[in-house]
């Protein structure tokens, strides 16, 4: 993909996702994710209804009338997006590939964060750390993140979620909002997730395709494993084969839900053809 084509794609995603974050998510995002705490802002004269526990006795004694301390939320936060760019993301049978949906969700989240003057960072992973962009503010920074999501070519096609979570635990010093975006067709990350979620506000965003869940009955067909590049012939007419396929999908889904719920993290699942904006909005409202 040449530079002109990449910029065109970045602009297209910016227009679509920025509109969502500006008009739909800005308020919901703000109320869903709290700041680090309350900080002192100023003192003001006591008015009926003010909390007497907030009275500043030193100022009150000085002016011989009651004054109260005013506190406000320390709002600035850091959002880290941990995005799976392994081979299984290059699959989709309806609207678009899983990786394209992950990119749009990540872009929407990033614009929602900068609307609230928060920092945004990105971690791209396969079975290794592919790219780490430290958190920063600003539109140009978010556009760089979108560009990397679109054009970055991973060195590996395999997946290891545990590696990504472990790396993030080591580089994130202060509490952050963490979104892990993947199809979660991988396990062995449960313990590391628990450690990460103890310190940070973590949400797992699972994106999948309808044919990840159910194998269509179309006879004997060659299938390529996106992560190993191996071709195998699969008899989709066999009920046993289709049942095994469904069981494997059910295992990945259950593993994802159990791991995140046990660690106290949030979960959100979305099929590629579903309206991810509605899903995000519902999730934010439930948290708010």
Protein backbone atom coordinates (compact mmCIF):
# COMPACT_ATOMS: atom_id res chain seq x y z
CA UNK A 1 0.00 0.00 0.00
CA UNK A 2 1.51 3.33 -1.05
CA UNK A 3 1.57 6.46 1.12
CA UNK A 4 -1.32 8.11 -0.74
CA UNK A 5 -3.54 5.05 -0.20
CA UNK A 6 -2.59 4.85 3.50
CA UNK A 7 -3.40 8.54 4.07
CA UNK A 8 -6.73 8.05 2.29
CA UNK A 9 -7.58 5.15 4.61
CA UNK A 10 -6.46 7.10 7.70
CA UNK A 11 -8.69 10.02 6.67
CA UNK A 12 -11.66 7.71 6.05
CA UNK A 13 -11.33 6.10 9.49
CA UNK A 14 -10.76 9.50 11.12
CA UNK A 15 -14.00 10.90 9.67
CA UNK A 16 -16.05 7.85 10.68
CA UNK A 17 -14.65 7.30 14.17
CA UNK A 18 -14.16 10.94 15.16
CA UNK A 19 -17.83 11.66 14.48
CA UNK A 20 -18.75 8.80 16.81
CA UNK A 21 -16.40 9.93 19.57
CA UNK A 22 -17.43 13.62 19.27
CA UNK A 23 -21.19 13.13 19.26
CA UNK A 24 -21.76 9.84 21.02
CA UNK A 25 -18.95 8.86 23.35
CA UNK A 26 -17.34 12.02 24.73
CA UNK A 27 -19.72 12.34 27.69
CA UNK A 28 -20.09 8.61 28.22
CA UNK A 29 -16.34 8.07 28.15
CA UNK A 30 -15.81 10.88 30.69
CA UNK A 31 -18.33 9.44 33.14
CA UNK A 32 -17.16 5.84 32.63
CA UNK A 33 -13.52 6.35 33.53
CA UNK A 34 -12.75 8.27 36.67
CA UNK A 35 -9.67 10.38 37.31
CA UNK A 36 -6.97 9.60 39.87
CA UNK A 37 -8.87 11.29 42.69
CA UNK A 38 -9.87 14.68 44.03
CA UNK A 39 -7.46 17.60 44.20
CA UNK A 40 -7.77 20.93 46.04
CA UNK A 41 -8.97 23.74 43.77
CA UNK A 42 -9.86 26.82 45.87
CA UNK A 43 -11.69 28.12 48.95
CA UNK A 44 -15.07 29.85 48.85
CA UNK A 45 -17.48 31.34 51.33
CA UNK A 46 -19.70 28.81 53.03
CA UNK A 47 -23.23 28.60 51.61
CA UNK A 48 -26.26 26.78 52.95
CA UNK A 49 -26.02 23.11 51.92
CA UNK A 50 -22.20 22.96 51.75
CA UNK A 51 -20.61 20.03 53.56
CA UNK A 52 -19.40 21.31 56.97
CA UNK A 53 -16.59 18.72 56.80
CA UNK A 54 -15.07 20.87 54.03
CA UNK A 55 -14.71 23.97 56.22
CA UNK A 56 -11.21 25.42 56.09
CA UNK A 57 -10.75 26.43 59.73
CA UNK A 58 -7.59 28.47 59.15
CA UNK A 59 -9.25 30.71 56.52
CA UNK A 60 -12.46 30.85 58.58
CA UNK A 61 -10.49 32.12 61.62
CA UNK A 62 -8.65 34.68 59.50
CA UNK A 63 -11.80 36.24 57.99
CA UNK A 64 -14.10 35.57 60.93
CA UNK A 65 -16.69 33.91 58.69
CA UNK A 66 -16.93 30.32 57.38
CA UNK A 67 -15.05 29.25 54.24
CA UNK A 68 -15.00 25.80 52.65
CA UNK A 69 -12.40 23.99 50.54
CA UNK A 70 -13.44 23.18 46.96
CA UNK A 71 -12.12 20.01 45.37
CA UNK A 72 -12.29 18.88 41.78
CA UNK A 73 -11.61 15.59 40.02
CA UNK A 74 -8.05 15.10 38.80
CA UNK A 75 -9.21 14.14 35.31
CA UNK A 76 -6.16 13.46 33.19
CA UNK A 77 -5.82 9.78 32.45
CA UNK A 78 -3.71 7.48 30.29
CA UNK A 79 -5.32 5.05 27.87
CA UNK A 80 -3.34 2.12 26.50
CA UNK A 81 -4.67 0.08 23.60
CA UNK A 82 -3.22 -3.42 23.28
CA UNK A 83 -4.09 -4.68 19.80
CA UNK A 84 -3.65 -8.19 18.38
CA UNK A 85 -2.29 -8.01 14.81
CA UNK A 86 -1.61 -11.73 14.36
CA UNK A 87 -2.71 -13.64 11.25
CA UNK A 88 -6.16 -14.59 12.51
CA UNK A 89 -7.19 -10.92 12.28
CA UNK A 90 -6.96 -11.12 8.48
CA UNK A 91 -10.22 -13.02 8.29
CA UNK A 92 -13.76 -11.83 7.64
CA UNK A 93 -16.70 -13.09 5.62
CA UNK A 94 -19.32 -10.34 5.81
CA UNK A 95 -18.64 -6.62 6.24
CA UNK A 96 -14.89 -6.54 6.81
CA UNK A 97 -11.88 -8.30 8.30
CA UNK A 98 -11.53 -8.61 12.06
CA UNK A 99 -8.42 -6.43 11.98
CA UNK A 100 -10.37 -3.62 10.26
CA UNK A 101 -13.05 -3.74 12.97
CA UNK A 102 -10.37 -3.73 15.68
CA UNK A 103 -8.76 -0.69 14.02
CA UNK A 104 -12.05 1.25 13.93
CA UNK A 105 -12.84 0.45 17.57
CA UNK A 106 -9.32 1.48 18.63
CA UNK A 107 -9.59 4.74 16.66
CA UNK A 108 -12.97 5.55 18.26
CA UNK A 109 -11.55 4.94 21.73
CA UNK A 110 -8.47 7.05 20.96
CA UNK A 111 -10.52 10.05 19.76
CA UNK A 112 -12.78 9.73 22.83
CA UNK A 113 -9.69 9.90 25.04
CA UNK A 114 -8.18 13.00 23.42
CA UNK A 115 -11.59 14.71 23.59
CA UNK A 116 -11.10 14.48 27.35
CA UNK A 117 -7.46 15.62 27.18
CA UNK A 118 -6.16 12.15 28.09
CA UNK A 119 -2.98 10.52 26.83
CA UNK A 120 -3.20 7.57 24.40
CA UNK A 121 -0.65 4.84 23.76
CA UNK A 122 -0.53 1.74 21.55
CA UNK A 123 0.93 -1.75 21.87
CA UNK A 124 0.75 -4.00 18.80
CA UNK A 125 1.45 -7.70 19.38
CA UNK A 126 1.50 -11.14 17.77
CA UNK A 127 3.38 -13.79 19.73
CA UNK A 128 5.94 -11.03 20.34
CA UNK A 129 5.87 -7.28 20.90
CA UNK A 130 5.62 -5.79 17.42
CA UNK A 131 5.38 -2.08 18.23
CA UNK A 132 5.09 0.10 21.34
CA UNK A 133 4.06 3.76 21.09
CA UNK A 134 4.24 5.54 24.48
CA UNK A 135 1.17 7.52 25.58
CA UNK A 136 0.90 11.12 24.38
CA UNK A 137 -1.80 13.73 23.78
CA UNK A 138 -3.04 15.32 20.58
CA UNK A 139 -4.72 14.66 17.26
CA UNK A 140 -1.48 14.16 15.29
CA UNK A 141 -0.45 11.45 17.77
CA UNK A 142 -3.79 9.65 17.34
CA UNK A 143 -3.48 9.84 13.55
CA UNK A 144 -0.06 8.21 13.82
CA UNK A 145 -1.64 5.42 15.90
CA UNK A 146 -4.35 4.89 13.26
CA UNK A 147 -1.72 4.81 10.51
CA UNK A 148 0.22 2.10 12.35
CA UNK A 149 -2.96 0.09 12.94
CA UNK A 150 -3.66 0.18 9.19
CA UNK A 151 -0.25 -0.40 7.67
CA UNK A 152 1.92 -2.20 10.22
CA UNK A 153 3.11 -5.60 9.00
CA UNK A 154 3.85 -8.00 11.88
CA UNK A 155 7.01 -10.10 11.90
CA UNK A 156 5.00 -13.08 13.17
CA UNK A 157 1.51 -14.38 12.36
CA UNK A 158 1.09 -16.24 15.68
CA UNK A 159 -0.57 -15.04 18.91
CA UNK A 160 0.55 -14.83 22.53
CA UNK A 161 -1.66 -12.56 24.63
CA UNK A 162 0.32 -13.35 27.78
CA UNK A 163 3.49 -11.84 26.28
CA UNK A 164 1.68 -8.56 25.54
CA UNK A 165 0.11 -8.29 29.01
CA UNK A 166 3.43 -9.06 30.72
CA UNK A 167 5.22 -6.37 28.68
CA UNK A 168 2.51 -3.83 29.49
CA UNK A 169 2.73 -4.60 33.23
CA UNK A 170 6.44 -3.75 33.07
CA UNK A 171 6.16 -0.46 31.14
CA UNK A 172 3.05 1.06 32.76
CA UNK A 173 4.02 2.73 36.01
CA UNK A 174 0.88 4.76 36.81
CA UNK A 175 -2.70 3.51 36.77
CA UNK A 176 -4.13 3.49 33.24
CA UNK A 177 -7.22 2.55 31.27
CA UNK A 178 -6.27 -0.54 29.26
CA UNK A 179 -8.22 -1.93 26.30
CA UNK A 180 -7.07 -5.34 25.04
CA UNK A 181 -8.43 -5.89 21.52
CA UNK A 182 -8.24 -9.36 19.99
CA UNK A 183 -10.28 -12.35 18.82
CA UNK A 184 -8.88 -14.06 21.97
CA UNK A 185 -8.24 -17.41 20.24
CA UNK A 186 -5.44 -18.01 22.68
CA UNK A 187 -5.09 -18.97 26.34
CA UNK A 188 -2.48 -19.04 29.10
CA UNK A 189 -2.81 -15.32 29.91
CA UNK A 190 -5.15 -15.60 32.90
CA UNK A 191 -2.57 -15.12 35.69
CA UNK A 192 -0.86 -12.13 34.02
CA UNK A 193 -4.25 -10.55 33.33
CA UNK A 194 -5.14 -10.76 37.01
CA UNK A 195 -1.89 -8.98 37.97
CA UNK A 196 -2.49 -6.26 35.34
CA UNK A 197 -6.15 -5.76 36.36
CA UNK A 198 -5.16 -5.35 40.03
CA UNK A 199 -3.37 -2.12 39.13
CA UNK A 200 -5.14 -0.87 36.00
CA UNK A 201 -8.68 -0.45 34.67
CA UNK A 202 -8.77 -3.26 32.07
CA UNK A 203 -11.37 -4.10 29.41
CA UNK A 204 -11.19 -6.97 26.91
CA UNK A 205 -12.73 -6.24 23.50
CA UNK A 206 -13.32 -9.48 21.60
CA UNK A 207 -13.98 -9.26 17.86
CA UNK A 208 -14.98 -12.37 15.91
CA UNK A 209 -16.49 -13.44 12.59
CA UNK A 210 -19.68 -15.46 12.13
CA UNK A 211 -17.62 -18.30 10.60
CA UNK A 212 -15.28 -18.37 13.59
CA UNK A 213 -18.33 -19.66 15.43
CA UNK A 214 -20.02 -21.95 12.89
CA UNK A 215 -18.47 -23.83 9.99
CA UNK A 216 -20.69 -23.65 6.87
CA UNK A 217 -21.72 -26.97 5.29
CA UNK A 218 -20.01 -26.67 1.89
CA UNK A 219 -18.34 -30.07 1.41
CA UNK A 220 -14.61 -30.85 1.27
CA UNK A 221 -12.65 -27.60 1.17
CA UNK A 222 -9.02 -26.51 1.61
CA UNK A 223 -8.49 -24.16 4.58
CA UNK A 224 -5.39 -22.12 5.38
CA UNK A 225 -4.43 -21.58 9.01
CA UNK A 226 -3.71 -17.83 9.09
CA UNK A 227 -1.18 -18.22 11.91
CA UNK A 228 0.83 -21.20 10.61
CA UNK A 229 0.11 -20.77 6.87
CA UNK A 230 -0.58 -24.51 6.61
CA UNK A 231 -3.32 -25.78 4.29
CA UNK A 232 -5.57 -28.60 5.46
CA UNK A 233 -8.53 -30.25 3.75
CA UNK A 234 -11.66 -30.08 5.89
CA UNK A 235 -14.84 -32.08 5.36
CA UNK A 236 -17.45 -29.49 6.32
CA UNK A 237 -20.26 -31.96 5.52
CA UNK A 238 -19.24 -33.97 8.59
CA UNK A 239 -21.43 -33.15 11.60
CA UNK A 240 -18.63 -34.33 13.90
CA UNK A 241 -16.17 -31.88 12.32
CA UNK A 242 -18.64 -28.98 12.60
CA UNK A 243 -19.41 -29.85 16.24
CA UNK A 244 -15.68 -29.93 17.10
CA UNK A 245 -15.30 -26.55 15.41
CA UNK A 246 -18.17 -25.11 17.49
CA UNK A 247 -16.73 -26.60 20.69
CA UNK A 248 -13.35 -24.98 20.04
CA UNK A 249 -15.01 -21.59 19.51
CA UNK A 250 -17.08 -22.05 22.69
CA UNK A 251 -13.88 -22.87 24.58
CA UNK A 252 -12.15 -19.64 23.44
CA UNK A 253 -15.24 -17.58 24.32
CA UNK A 254 -15.63 -19.16 27.76
CA UNK A 255 -11.92 -18.82 28.50
CA UNK A 256 -12.04 -15.10 27.58
CA UNK A 257 -15.14 -14.37 29.66
CA UNK A 258 -13.97 -16.36 32.70
CA UNK A 259 -10.44 -14.90 32.69
CA UNK A 260 -11.62 -11.28 32.48
CA UNK A 261 -14.51 -11.64 34.93
CA UNK A 262 -12.35 -13.42 37.52
CA UNK A 263 -9.74 -10.66 37.31
CA UNK A 264 -12.39 -7.96 37.78
CA UNK A 265 -11.92 -6.60 34.25
CA UNK A 266 -14.66 -5.58 31.82
CA UNK A 267 -15.67 -7.53 28.72
CA UNK A 268 -17.19 -6.59 25.39
CA UNK A 269 -17.79 -8.93 22.43
CA UNK A 270 -18.66 -7.85 18.88
CA UNK A 271 -19.08 -9.70 15.60
CA UNK A 272 -17.53 -8.04 12.54
CA UNK A 273 -20.90 -7.15 10.99
CA UNK A 274 -22.43 -5.87 14.24
CA UNK A 275 -22.66 -2.19 15.19
CA UNK A 276 -19.65 -1.73 17.46
CA UNK A 277 -20.72 1.84 18.28
CA UNK A 278 -23.88 0.58 19.98
CA UNK A 279 -21.88 -2.05 21.85
CA UNK A 280 -19.37 0.54 23.12
CA UNK A 281 -22.11 2.95 24.14
CA UNK A 282 -23.97 0.24 26.08
CA UNK A 283 -20.73 -0.76 27.80
CA UNK A 284 -19.88 2.84 28.78
CA UNK A 285 -23.40 3.44 30.10
CA UNK A 286 -23.25 0.30 32.24
CA UNK A 287 -19.98 1.50 33.74
CA UNK A 288 -21.03 5.12 34.25
